[in-house]
Protein backbone atom coordinates (compact mmCIF):
# COMPACT_ATOMS: atom_id res chain seq x y z
CA MET A 1 34.70 -3.48 -3.71
CA THR A 2 35.06 -2.11 -0.19
CA THR A 3 35.28 -4.12 3.01
CA VAL A 4 31.78 -2.95 3.88
CA GLY A 5 30.60 -4.27 0.53
CA LEU A 6 32.09 -7.71 1.17
CA TRP A 7 30.52 -7.85 4.64
CA THR A 8 27.17 -6.72 3.25
CA ILE A 9 27.07 -9.30 0.49
CA GLY A 10 28.14 -12.06 2.87
CA LEU A 11 25.57 -11.24 5.55
CA ALA A 12 22.81 -10.63 3.00
CA LEU A 13 23.44 -14.02 1.39
CA ALA A 14 23.46 -15.74 4.79
CA TYR A 15 20.26 -13.99 5.87
CA THR A 16 18.55 -14.82 2.59
CA ALA A 17 19.59 -18.47 2.79
CA TRP A 18 18.05 -18.59 6.27
CA LEU A 19 14.80 -17.10 4.96
CA ILE A 20 14.56 -19.72 2.21
CA LEU A 21 15.53 -22.64 4.46
CA GLY A 22 13.55 -21.43 7.45
CA SER A 23 10.40 -20.85 5.45
CA ARG A 24 10.54 -24.39 4.15
CA ILE A 25 10.99 -25.73 7.69
CA ALA A 26 8.10 -23.56 8.93
CA VAL A 27 5.81 -24.81 6.17
CA GLY A 28 6.78 -28.39 6.88
CA ARG A 29 6.11 -28.09 10.62
CA SER A 30 2.91 -26.08 10.40
CA GLY A 31 0.71 -28.94 9.29
CA HIS A 32 -1.78 -26.38 7.92
CA GLY A 33 -3.00 -26.31 4.37
CA GLY A 34 -3.96 -23.21 2.53
CA PHE A 35 -1.57 -21.64 0.07
CA PHE A 36 -3.41 -18.30 0.08
CA VAL A 37 -4.40 -17.87 3.76
CA SER A 38 -2.36 -20.60 5.51
CA GLY A 39 -5.42 -22.46 6.69
CA ARG A 40 -6.49 -19.35 8.66
CA SER A 41 -4.17 -20.38 11.49
CA PHE A 42 -2.18 -17.22 12.37
CA SER A 43 -1.95 -16.00 15.95
CA PRO A 44 -2.26 -12.26 16.71
CA TRP A 45 1.53 -11.98 16.99
CA THR A 46 2.02 -13.62 13.60
CA VAL A 47 -0.42 -11.15 12.07
CA ALA A 48 1.37 -8.30 13.88
CA PHE A 49 4.77 -9.27 12.47
CA CYS A 50 3.27 -9.70 9.00
CA ILE A 51 1.64 -6.26 9.05
CA THR A 52 4.67 -4.56 10.65
CA GLY A 53 6.96 -6.00 8.01
CA LEU A 54 4.54 -5.00 5.26
CA PHE A 55 3.60 -1.40 6.04
CA SER A 56 6.37 -0.45 8.39
CA GLY A 57 9.09 -1.98 6.27
CA SER A 58 8.18 0.36 3.44
CA SER A 59 7.46 3.25 5.78
CA TYR A 60 10.86 3.08 7.49
CA ILE A 61 12.60 3.45 4.17
CA ALA A 62 10.34 6.35 3.22
CA ILE A 63 10.74 7.98 6.65
CA VAL A 64 14.54 7.71 6.66
CA GLU A 65 14.64 9.22 3.17
CA LEU A 66 12.07 11.92 3.96
CA SER A 67 13.71 12.91 7.25
CA TYR A 68 17.00 13.36 5.40
CA ARG A 69 15.20 15.97 3.26
CA THR A 70 12.61 17.47 5.59
CA GLY A 71 13.60 16.58 9.17
CA VAL A 72 11.14 15.59 11.87
CA SER A 73 8.09 16.39 9.73
CA ALA A 74 8.58 12.92 8.21
CA VAL A 75 6.85 11.62 11.34
CA TRP A 76 3.49 12.41 9.70
CA TYR A 77 4.15 9.74 7.09
CA GLY A 78 4.39 7.19 9.88
CA VAL A 79 1.34 8.59 11.65
CA ALA A 80 -0.68 8.38 8.43
CA GLU A 81 0.38 4.79 7.91
CA THR A 82 -0.58 3.95 11.51
CA VAL A 83 -4.02 5.52 11.00
CA GLN A 84 -4.51 3.22 8.01
CA ILE A 85 -3.68 0.14 10.10
CA LEU A 86 -6.11 1.16 12.84
CA LEU A 87 -8.91 1.88 10.37
CA ILE A 88 -8.50 -1.52 8.73
CA ALA A 89 -8.68 -3.15 12.17
CA LEU A 90 -11.71 -1.20 13.31
CA LEU A 91 -13.78 -1.16 10.12
CA LEU A 92 -12.95 -4.05 7.83
CA VAL A 93 -11.44 -7.12 9.48
CA LYS A 94 -14.64 -8.61 10.92
CA PRO A 95 -16.94 -7.95 7.93
CA LEU A 96 -14.35 -9.22 5.44
CA ARG A 97 -13.65 -12.33 7.50
CA GLU A 98 -17.37 -13.12 7.63
CA LYS A 99 -17.33 -13.10 3.82
CA LEU A 100 -14.07 -15.14 3.72
CA VAL A 101 -12.48 -12.46 1.57
CA VAL A 102 -8.94 -13.04 0.28
CA THR A 103 -8.36 -10.21 -2.21
CA VAL A 104 -9.81 -6.89 -3.34
CA THR A 105 -10.10 -8.25 -6.86
CA GLY A 106 -12.13 -11.13 -5.45
CA ILE A 107 -14.51 -8.62 -3.85
CA ILE A 108 -14.96 -6.89 -7.20
CA GLY A 109 -15.46 -10.19 -9.01
CA ASP A 110 -18.03 -11.54 -6.56
CA ARG A 111 -20.09 -8.37 -6.92
CA PHE A 112 -19.63 -7.36 -10.56
CA GLY A 113 -18.80 -10.56 -12.39
CA ARG A 114 -15.94 -12.22 -14.19
CA GLY A 115 -15.18 -9.36 -16.59
CA ALA A 116 -14.61 -6.85 -13.81
CA GLN A 117 -12.64 -9.44 -11.86
CA ALA A 118 -10.38 -10.13 -14.83
CA ILE A 119 -9.65 -6.46 -15.54
CA SER A 120 -9.07 -5.56 -11.89
CA SER A 121 -6.86 -8.64 -11.45
CA VAL A 122 -4.62 -7.64 -14.34
CA ILE A 123 -4.32 -4.04 -13.12
CA THR A 124 -3.60 -5.14 -9.54
CA GLY A 125 -1.18 -7.85 -10.59
CA LEU A 126 0.82 -5.52 -12.81
CA THR A 127 1.06 -2.71 -10.24
CA PHE A 128 2.25 -4.73 -7.25
CA PRO A 129 5.74 -5.27 -8.76
CA MET A 130 5.95 -1.47 -9.01
CA TYR A 131 5.58 -1.28 -5.23
CA SER A 132 8.19 -4.00 -4.90
CA VAL A 133 10.67 -2.13 -7.09
CA ALA A 134 10.08 1.10 -5.17
CA THR A 135 11.13 -0.42 -1.85
CA SER A 136 13.91 -2.59 -3.28
CA ILE A 137 15.61 0.57 -4.53
CA ALA A 138 16.57 1.39 -0.90
CA PHE A 139 18.71 -1.71 -0.43
CA ALA A 140 19.97 -1.44 -3.99
CA SER A 141 21.13 2.13 -3.29
CA ALA A 142 23.00 1.02 -0.17
CA LEU A 143 24.62 -1.88 -1.98
CA PHE A 144 25.58 0.38 -4.88
CA ALA A 145 27.24 2.81 -2.46
CA VAL A 146 29.57 0.13 -1.06
CA THR A 147 29.98 -2.24 -4.02
CA GLU A 148 29.10 -0.22 -7.17
CA ILE A 149 26.91 -3.09 -8.34
CA PRO A 150 24.32 -1.49 -10.69
CA LEU A 151 20.96 -0.76 -9.08
CA TRP A 152 18.97 -2.87 -11.52
CA GLN A 153 21.07 -5.94 -10.78
CA CYS A 154 20.46 -5.55 -7.04
CA ILE A 155 16.70 -5.26 -7.65
CA ALA A 156 16.77 -8.27 -9.97
CA LEU A 157 18.45 -10.27 -7.20
CA THR A 158 15.66 -9.21 -4.81
CA ALA A 159 13.03 -10.42 -7.26
CA ILE A 160 14.66 -13.80 -7.71
CA ILE A 161 15.05 -14.30 -3.95
CA LEU A 162 11.38 -13.49 -3.41
CA LEU A 163 10.42 -16.06 -6.03
CA ALA A 164 12.53 -18.70 -4.28
CA PHE A 165 10.67 -18.70 -0.98
CA LEU A 166 7.20 -17.47 -2.02
CA THR A 167 6.66 -20.16 -4.64
CA PHE A 168 7.18 -22.96 -2.15
CA GLY A 169 5.14 -22.04 0.88
CA GLY A 170 2.73 -19.26 -0.02
CA MET A 171 1.32 -17.33 2.94
CA ARG A 172 3.12 -19.52 5.51
CA SER A 173 6.44 -18.55 3.92
CA VAL A 174 5.35 -14.90 4.06
CA ALA A 175 4.63 -15.24 7.79
CA PHE A 176 8.05 -16.71 8.58
CA SER A 177 9.96 -14.21 6.47
CA GLN A 178 7.99 -11.26 7.91
CA THR A 179 8.78 -12.32 11.47
CA MET A 180 12.49 -12.52 10.65
CA ASN A 181 12.36 -9.21 8.79
CA VAL A 182 10.83 -7.36 11.74
CA LEU A 183 13.53 -8.70 14.06
CA MET A 184 16.18 -7.63 11.56
CA ILE A 185 14.65 -4.15 11.26
CA PHE A 186 14.91 -3.72 15.05
CA VAL A 187 18.58 -4.73 14.88
CA MET A 188 19.11 -2.27 12.02
CA PHE A 189 17.84 0.64 14.07
CA ILE A 190 19.92 -0.34 17.08
CA VAL A 191 22.94 -0.09 14.80
CA GLY A 192 21.55 3.20 13.46
CA ILE A 193 21.44 4.68 16.96
CA TRP A 194 25.03 3.53 17.46
CA ALA A 195 25.98 5.46 14.32
CA PHE A 196 24.12 8.52 15.62
CA LEU A 197 26.00 8.42 18.94
CA VAL A 198 29.31 8.15 17.09
CA SER A 199 28.50 11.00 14.72
CA PRO A 200 27.02 13.58 14.98
CA GLY A 201 25.77 12.82 18.50
CA PRO A 202 23.28 14.93 20.50
CA SER A 203 25.48 18.00 20.05
CA GLY A 204 25.08 17.67 16.30
CA LEU A 205 21.32 17.97 16.64
CA GLU A 206 21.73 21.13 18.70
CA THR A 207 23.94 22.63 16.00
CA LEU A 208 21.47 21.64 13.30
CA ALA A 209 18.61 23.24 15.24
CA GLU A 210 20.54 26.52 15.29
CA GLU A 211 21.64 26.42 11.64
CA GLN A 212 18.56 24.82 10.06
CA PRO A 213 15.61 25.22 12.43
CA GLN A 214 13.22 24.18 9.67
CA MET A 215 14.48 20.59 10.09
CA PHE A 216 12.68 20.54 13.45
CA ASP A 217 9.49 22.13 12.12
CA VAL A 218 6.74 19.48 12.09
CA SER A 219 5.23 21.06 8.97
CA ASN A 220 8.49 21.40 7.03
CA ALA A 221 7.49 18.74 4.49
CA GLY A 222 4.68 21.02 3.37
CA ILE A 223 1.02 21.01 4.33
CA SER A 224 -0.07 19.75 0.91
CA LEU A 225 2.32 16.80 1.02
CA ILE A 226 1.34 15.87 4.57
CA VAL A 227 -2.35 16.05 3.63
CA ALA A 228 -1.58 13.90 0.59
CA TRP A 229 0.02 11.27 2.86
CA PHE A 230 -3.06 11.06 5.06
CA GLY A 231 -5.38 11.16 2.06
CA THR A 232 -3.52 8.41 0.27
CA PHE A 233 -3.35 6.09 3.27
CA ILE A 234 -6.99 6.65 4.28
CA VAL A 235 -8.24 6.17 0.74
CA ASN A 236 -6.16 2.99 0.57
CA VAL A 237 -7.99 1.44 3.55
CA PRO A 238 -10.58 -0.47 1.46
CA LEU A 239 -7.88 -1.38 -1.08
CA ALA A 240 -5.12 -2.73 1.20
CA GLN A 241 -5.19 -6.17 -0.36
CA ALA A 242 -1.94 -7.55 1.07
CA ALA A 243 -2.99 -6.46 4.57
CA PHE A 244 -6.39 -8.11 4.09
CA GLN A 245 -4.78 -11.35 3.02
CA MET A 246 -2.56 -11.38 6.11
CA SER A 247 -5.26 -10.46 8.63
CA MET A 248 -7.70 -12.89 6.99
CA SER A 249 -5.16 -15.65 7.72
CA ALA A 250 -5.75 -15.24 11.47
CA ARG A 251 -7.55 -17.90 13.50
CA SER A 252 -10.49 -15.55 14.08
CA PRO A 253 -11.56 -11.98 13.26
CA GLU A 254 -10.64 -10.97 16.80
CA ASP A 255 -7.12 -12.35 16.38
CA GLY A 256 -6.81 -10.43 13.12
CA GLN A 257 -7.83 -7.20 14.86
CA LYS A 258 -5.44 -7.80 17.76
CA GLY A 259 -2.61 -8.38 15.31
CA LEU A 260 -3.26 -5.06 13.56
CA PHE A 261 -3.39 -3.20 16.89
CA LEU A 262 -0.10 -4.81 17.93
CA ALA A 263 1.47 -3.82 14.61
CA ALA A 264 0.51 -0.18 15.22
CA ILE A 265 2.19 -0.30 18.63
CA ILE A 266 5.34 -2.04 17.37
CA GLY A 267 5.71 0.50 14.60
CA MET A 268 5.74 3.61 16.80
CA PRO A 269 9.32 3.41 18.17
CA LEU A 270 10.66 2.33 14.79
CA ILE A 271 9.14 5.42 13.14
CA LEU A 272 10.97 7.67 15.61
CA LEU A 273 14.25 5.79 15.20
CA GLY A 274 14.00 6.20 11.43
CA ILE A 275 13.77 9.98 11.84
CA VAL A 276 16.87 10.03 14.06
CA VAL A 277 18.91 8.13 11.47
CA GLY A 278 17.72 10.27 8.56
CA VAL A 279 18.38 13.58 10.32
CA ALA A 280 21.81 12.38 11.51
CA ALA A 281 22.74 11.43 7.95
CA SER A 282 21.71 14.88 6.70
CA ILE A 283 24.17 16.44 9.16
CA VAL A 284 27.16 14.24 8.36
CA VAL A 285 26.59 13.79 4.60
CA PRO A 286 24.63 16.87 3.51
CA ASP A 287 23.40 17.65 0.00
CA ALA A 288 23.51 14.09 -1.37
CA SER A 289 21.74 13.99 -4.74
CA LEU A 290 20.18 10.64 -3.79
CA PRO A 291 19.30 10.61 -0.06
CA LEU A 292 19.40 6.82 0.23
CA VAL A 293 22.94 6.78 -1.14
CA GLY A 294 23.88 9.60 1.25
CA ILE A 295 22.48 7.62 4.18
CA ALA A 296 24.45 4.56 3.10
CA GLU A 297 27.64 6.64 2.95
CA TYR A 298 26.91 8.02 6.44
CA ILE A 299 26.48 4.56 7.96
CA ALA A 300 29.54 3.16 6.18
CA GLY A 301 31.69 6.07 7.33
CA SER A 302 30.54 6.02 10.97
CA LEU A 303 30.70 2.35 11.93
CA PRO A 304 32.96 -0.70 11.61
CA ALA A 305 32.48 -2.61 8.38
CA TRP A 306 30.55 -5.46 9.96
CA ALA A 307 28.17 -3.13 11.80
CA ALA A 308 27.47 -1.09 8.65
CA ALA A 309 26.74 -4.35 6.86
CA VAL A 310 24.22 -5.29 9.55
CA PHE A 311 22.44 -1.97 8.96
CA PHE A 312 22.33 -2.59 5.21
CA VAL A 313 20.94 -6.08 5.72
CA GLY A 314 18.23 -4.34 7.76
CA LEU A 315 17.41 -2.31 4.66
CA TRP A 316 17.31 -5.61 2.80
CA ALA A 317 14.78 -6.84 5.38
CA CYS A 318 12.70 -3.69 4.84
CA ALA A 319 12.73 -4.31 1.11
CA LEU A 320 11.73 -7.95 1.52
CA GLY A 321 9.12 -7.07 4.16
CA TRP A 322 7.21 -4.94 1.67
CA ALA A 323 8.11 -6.58 -1.62
CA GLY A 324 7.44 -10.17 -0.50
CA PRO A 325 3.77 -9.68 0.42
CA CYS A 326 3.29 -7.38 -2.58
CA GLN A 327 4.60 -10.00 -4.99
CA PHE A 328 2.56 -12.74 -3.35
CA SER A 329 -0.65 -10.70 -3.23
CA GLY A 330 -0.18 -9.51 -6.80
CA ALA A 331 0.36 -13.09 -7.92
CA THR A 332 -2.79 -14.13 -6.03
CA SER A 333 -4.80 -11.62 -8.04
CA LEU A 334 -3.11 -12.47 -11.32
CA GLY A 335 -3.13 -16.24 -10.77
CA ARG A 336 -6.05 -17.13 -8.50
CA ASP A 337 -8.52 -14.36 -9.38
CA LEU A 338 -7.74 -14.00 -13.08
CA GLY A 339 -7.56 -17.77 -13.37
CA SER A 340 -10.97 -18.25 -11.76
CA ALA A 341 -12.41 -15.46 -13.94
CA LEU A 342 -11.20 -17.17 -17.11
CA ARG A 343 -11.87 -20.69 -15.86
CA PRO A 344 -14.72 -20.63 -13.30
CA ARG A 345 -14.51 -24.40 -12.77
CA ALA A 346 -10.79 -24.43 -11.98
CA THR A 347 -9.88 -26.49 -8.91
CA GLN A 348 -7.95 -25.15 -5.92
CA VAL A 349 -4.89 -27.10 -7.05
CA GLU A 350 -5.08 -25.46 -10.47
CA LEU A 351 -5.47 -21.99 -8.93
CA VAL A 352 -2.37 -22.55 -6.81
CA ARG A 353 -0.49 -23.59 -9.95
CA TYR A 354 -1.68 -20.47 -11.77
CA THR A 355 -0.50 -18.35 -8.84
CA ARG A 356 2.95 -19.93 -8.89
CA ILE A 357 3.17 -19.24 -12.62
CA ALA A 358 2.08 -15.66 -11.94
CA LEU A 359 4.89 -15.34 -9.36
CA VAL A 360 7.38 -16.20 -12.11
CA GLY A 361 5.78 -13.65 -14.41
CA LEU A 362 5.83 -10.90 -11.77
CA THR A 363 9.48 -11.68 -11.05
CA VAL A 364 10.29 -11.10 -14.73
CA LEU A 365 8.17 -7.95 -14.67
CA MET A 366 10.00 -6.64 -11.59
CA VAL A 367 13.33 -7.09 -13.37
CA ILE A 368 12.00 -5.31 -16.46
CA PHE A 369 10.79 -2.40 -14.31
CA SER A 370 14.22 -2.15 -12.70
CA LEU A 371 15.79 -1.92 -16.15
CA LEU A 372 13.40 0.86 -17.14
CA ARG A 373 13.94 2.99 -14.03
CA ALA A 374 15.87 2.01 -10.92
CA GLU A 375 16.94 5.30 -9.35
CA GLU A 376 13.80 6.84 -7.85
CA SER A 377 11.46 4.94 -5.52
CA ALA A 378 8.88 7.74 -5.38
CA TRP A 379 8.34 7.49 -9.14
CA TRP A 380 7.23 3.88 -8.93
CA ASN A 381 5.05 4.53 -5.88
CA VAL A 382 3.19 7.33 -7.70
CA MET A 383 2.67 5.13 -10.73
CA ALA A 384 1.40 2.18 -8.70
CA TRP A 385 -0.90 4.22 -6.42
CA THR A 386 -2.35 6.03 -9.43
CA LEU A 387 -3.07 3.00 -11.59
CA ARG A 388 -4.32 0.58 -8.92
CA ASN A 389 -6.21 2.92 -6.60
CA GLY A 390 -7.51 4.94 -9.51
CA ALA A 391 -9.01 1.83 -11.08
CA THR A 392 -10.35 -0.15 -8.11
CA PHE A 393 -11.46 2.47 -5.55
CA ALA A 394 -15.03 3.09 -6.76
CA PRO A 395 -15.86 -0.56 -7.63
CA VAL A 396 -14.79 -1.67 -4.15
CA LEU A 397 -16.86 1.06 -2.46
CA ALA A 398 -19.83 0.14 -4.64
CA ALA A 399 -19.37 -3.54 -3.77
CA PHE A 400 -19.48 -2.64 -0.11
CA PHE A 401 -22.20 0.01 -0.07
CA TRP A 402 -24.22 0.33 -3.32
CA PRO A 403 -26.29 -2.65 -4.48
CA LEU A 404 -27.70 -0.54 -7.33
CA ALA A 405 -24.34 -0.23 -9.11
CA THR A 406 -24.24 -2.18 -12.38
CA ARG A 407 -21.61 -4.37 -13.96
CA SER A 408 -21.24 -1.99 -16.88
CA ALA A 409 -20.69 0.87 -14.44
CA ALA A 410 -17.96 -1.07 -12.65
CA LEU A 411 -16.20 -1.84 -15.94
CA THR A 412 -16.47 1.82 -16.94
CA ALA A 413 -15.03 2.92 -13.60
CA LEU A 414 -12.10 0.50 -13.86
CA LEU A 415 -11.11 1.66 -17.33
CA ALA A 416 -11.88 5.36 -16.79
CA GLY A 417 -9.82 5.57 -13.59
CA PHE A 418 -6.89 3.67 -15.05
CA SER A 419 -6.86 5.74 -18.26
CA ALA A 420 -7.34 9.11 -16.53
CA GLY A 421 -4.56 8.44 -14.03
CA LEU A 422 -2.10 7.26 -16.65
CA GLY A 423 -2.99 10.15 -18.95
CA TRP A 424 -2.56 12.77 -16.20
CA TYR A 425 0.78 11.27 -15.19
CA ALA A 426 1.85 11.48 -18.84
CA LEU A 427 0.80 15.16 -18.95
CA SER A 428 3.00 15.62 -15.86
CA GLY A 429 5.96 14.28 -17.80
CA PHE A 430 5.94 11.25 -15.47
CA SER A 431 7.52 13.37 -12.74
CA ALA A 432 7.40 12.03 -9.18
CA THR A 433 7.02 15.51 -7.69
CA ASP A 434 5.86 18.07 -10.31
CA PHE A 435 2.36 17.31 -11.53
CA PHE A 436 0.26 18.87 -14.28
CA LEU A 437 -1.68 21.84 -12.85
CA GLY A 438 -0.18 20.94 -9.47
CA THR A 439 -2.61 18.02 -9.07
CA HIS A 440 -1.54 14.51 -8.12
CA PRO A 441 -2.59 11.95 -10.76
CA VAL A 442 -4.21 9.67 -8.16
CA TRP A 443 -6.88 12.29 -7.39
CA VAL A 444 -7.67 12.70 -11.09
CA ALA A 445 -7.87 8.92 -11.51
CA MET A 446 -10.23 8.43 -8.58
CA ILE A 447 -12.43 11.34 -9.65
CA ALA A 448 -12.88 9.67 -13.05
CA ASN A 449 -13.37 6.35 -11.28
CA LEU A 450 -16.18 7.62 -9.04
CA ALA A 451 -17.81 9.68 -11.77
CA GLY A 452 -17.85 6.70 -14.11
CA ILE A 453 -19.62 4.37 -11.73
CA VAL A 454 -22.21 6.97 -10.67
CA LEU A 455 -23.06 8.24 -14.15
CA VAL A 456 -23.32 4.85 -15.83
CA THR A 457 -25.36 3.37 -12.97
CA LEU A 458 -27.85 6.25 -12.97
CA ILE A 459 -28.10 6.38 -16.77
CA GLN A 460 -28.29 2.65 -17.31
CA GLY A 461 -30.00 1.27 -14.23
CA SER A 462 -33.61 1.22 -13.11
CA TRP A 463 -33.90 3.23 -9.92
CA ARG A 464 -36.04 5.58 -7.90
CA LEU A 465 -35.52 8.16 -5.20
CA THR A 466 -35.45 6.27 -1.92
CA LEU A 467 -38.66 6.07 0.08
CA HIS A 468 -36.77 5.56 3.32
CA GLY A 469 -37.04 8.74 5.41
CA ALA A 470 -33.69 8.50 7.21
CA ARG A 471 -31.81 7.83 3.98
CA ARG A 472 -33.51 10.79 2.30
CA ARG A 473 -32.55 13.10 5.13
CA ASN A 474 -28.97 11.82 5.21
CA GLY A 475 -28.68 11.97 1.45
CA GLY A 476 -30.00 15.53 1.37
CA LEU A 477 -27.55 16.50 4.10
CA VAL A 478 -24.66 14.96 2.16
CA LEU A 479 -25.72 16.85 -0.98
CA LEU A 480 -25.93 20.10 0.98
CA VAL A 481 -22.48 19.64 2.51
CA THR A 482 -21.05 18.64 -0.88
CA GLY A 483 -22.54 21.74 -2.50
CA LEU A 484 -21.16 23.99 0.23
CA ALA A 485 -17.75 22.34 -0.17
CA ALA A 486 -17.88 23.00 -3.93
CA VAL A 487 -18.74 26.66 -3.41
CA LEU A 488 -16.03 27.05 -0.77
CA SER A 489 -13.47 25.38 -3.03
CA MET A 490 -14.30 27.82 -5.84
CA ASN A 491 -13.91 30.79 -3.51
CA ILE A 492 -10.55 29.65 -2.12
CA SER A 493 -9.28 28.06 -5.34
CA ALA A 494 -6.17 30.28 -5.38
CA TRP A 495 -5.18 29.12 -1.90
CA LEU A 496 -5.90 25.47 -2.78
CA ASN A 497 -3.74 25.74 -5.89
CA ILE A 498 -0.86 27.29 -3.94
CA TYR A 499 -0.78 24.35 -1.55
CA GLY A 500 -1.55 21.73 -4.18
CA LEU A 501 -4.87 20.79 -2.57
CA MET A 502 -7.28 21.46 -5.45
CA GLY A 503 -7.15 17.84 -6.64
CA LEU A 504 -7.95 16.56 -3.17
CA ALA A 505 -10.82 19.06 -2.82
CA LEU A 506 -12.35 17.99 -6.13
CA PHE A 507 -11.96 14.34 -5.16
CA LEU A 508 -13.80 14.93 -1.86
CA ILE A 509 -16.60 16.71 -3.71
CA THR A 510 -16.91 13.78 -6.14
CA LEU A 511 -16.87 11.36 -3.21
CA GLY A 512 -19.72 13.37 -1.69
CA VAL A 513 -21.73 13.00 -4.90
CA PHE A 514 -21.09 9.24 -4.81
CA ALA A 515 -22.24 9.05 -1.18
CA ALA A 516 -25.38 11.01 -2.00
CA ALA A 517 -26.15 8.65 -4.89
CA VAL A 518 -25.70 5.63 -2.60
CA LEU A 519 -28.15 7.10 -0.08
CA LEU A 520 -30.77 8.52 -2.45
CA ALA A 521 -30.93 6.10 -5.39
CA GLU A 522 -32.36 2.63 -4.82
CA SER A 523 -33.88 -0.25 -6.69
CA PRO A 524 -37.62 0.10 -7.48
CA THR A 525 -38.17 -3.23 -5.70
CA ALA A 526 -36.65 -2.09 -2.38
CA THR A 527 -39.02 -2.62 0.54
CA HIS A 528 -36.81 -1.63 3.52
CA THR A 529 -37.84 -4.62 5.57
CA LYS A 530 -34.35 -5.78 6.50
CA THR A 531 -31.45 -3.84 7.94
CA GLN A 532 -27.87 -4.87 7.28
CA LEU A 533 -25.05 -3.13 9.05
CA TRP A 534 -22.51 -3.89 6.37
CA GLY A 535 -23.03 -1.25 3.72
CA SER A 536 -25.80 0.52 5.64
CA ARG A 537 -28.37 -1.21 3.45
CA THR A 538 -32.02 -1.46 4.32
CA GLU A 539 -33.21 -3.29 1.19
CA PRO A 540 -33.82 -7.03 0.97
CA VAL A 541 -31.46 -9.12 -1.13
CA THR A 542 -33.10 -9.55 -4.54
CA ALA A 543 -32.00 -10.16 -8.09
CA GLN A 544 -31.27 -6.46 -8.45
CA ASN A 545 -29.76 -6.24 -4.99
CA THR A 546 -27.16 -8.92 -4.46
CA SER A 547 -24.64 -9.39 -1.70
CA PRO A 548 -22.02 -6.66 -1.71
CA LEU A 549 -19.22 -9.19 -1.56
């Protein structure tokens, strides 16, 4: 083991011990109950640190890795993630807080019943450890580079550490650890800039610009990939369960919004610093087969052992910043929501116990995932996005906007999206980059998801064409635009296939059909006597038209 390895292990253990001890102290001093939302007591700054550690922690790792491969075009990943944060703040925080929402699976359960809640809880609970593994691979790669400890063992250690402080304090522990992680990430990038000034320095960037100008091309990552980043993050807005849980823990909806806006601001300089570190590593350690290992070798070779260790502990903070909330939110779905679906009369104490048991189960699952595949973070991200978003996207939209949607339709959508996504990924040979017919599995999954809920609702339900003039006009306009988009997509199909955009185009067309169905199809009992902003509904709440949440 190298000197850097010894320093890294020592500092990582000390930092982790502080997270465990500090979270216990924070929980003891808070005086607030609430395992799941910490008694809704967070200030805007607490929410900001939670969200920054969640999204930005994972984004920094992705941006450093992407900039090593594609240069400054990796900035679009950070921009897309920032757009997601802003959309959640602007569109969802206040309405969800009014409904006292905790999880996406809770939204589905409240609208479509215990069966849908149980299925969505299992899917969500099983996919969150995939996200955790994906981010933990970054620190594991760095530790492997300086200690040669196998990747899966490093990821297993991450899982066990997360269990240690999440089980005790719940959301309050998440808040403390996220605040510490954000501070550690800032320190990491300060050390990263030090490494850049040592080697290659500003002159190295000038040389790179002459030899590889594409590294400074903002579209170098590829238009299709950049579009996929924005599409994925925007589509994820109504499904960002961990972010909901954090922002719902604020003292008020306004504090939750302020926290999200602050997180977007805090993240901007860190996104740019991540690009500098990734590009610098590509100059000094070019052609590494695993970029994260190459970056670790660059840092270790440019700085004193202790400073390199500080950088690697920053990667550890990034991993914990994403994996901690993912594990906790996944356990909330698997413990609280599945538990309440199976036992509707369960007490709050029992639901907390179920969630703690679920945390143990997800820890075991995270270790198993690391044994199956521990060398490629993108692989796990594709799998998780496909299975979770592909299953829950349409039911959540229907819960928000379509009172006509039936329980059977929601169950069909959950199973159809999950199966289609998994099947398409299998046809792609489970590749993280090369997909069957050039189409990302998540688009196929969400197309099946939307189609399932529309078809079953219209076939099974009792409905009529809306009598409301404005909705008819808007619905007709949506159908017209959707039809034009379909015709255009057919005419430019060759171009769409070249850039890998056909899946996205078909998804947007299907989404247009869903929107038209929401506007045009209504319950026969609708009278349009009451207007509700949330969901753009004009029907009264009846037996066929229940609350969307």
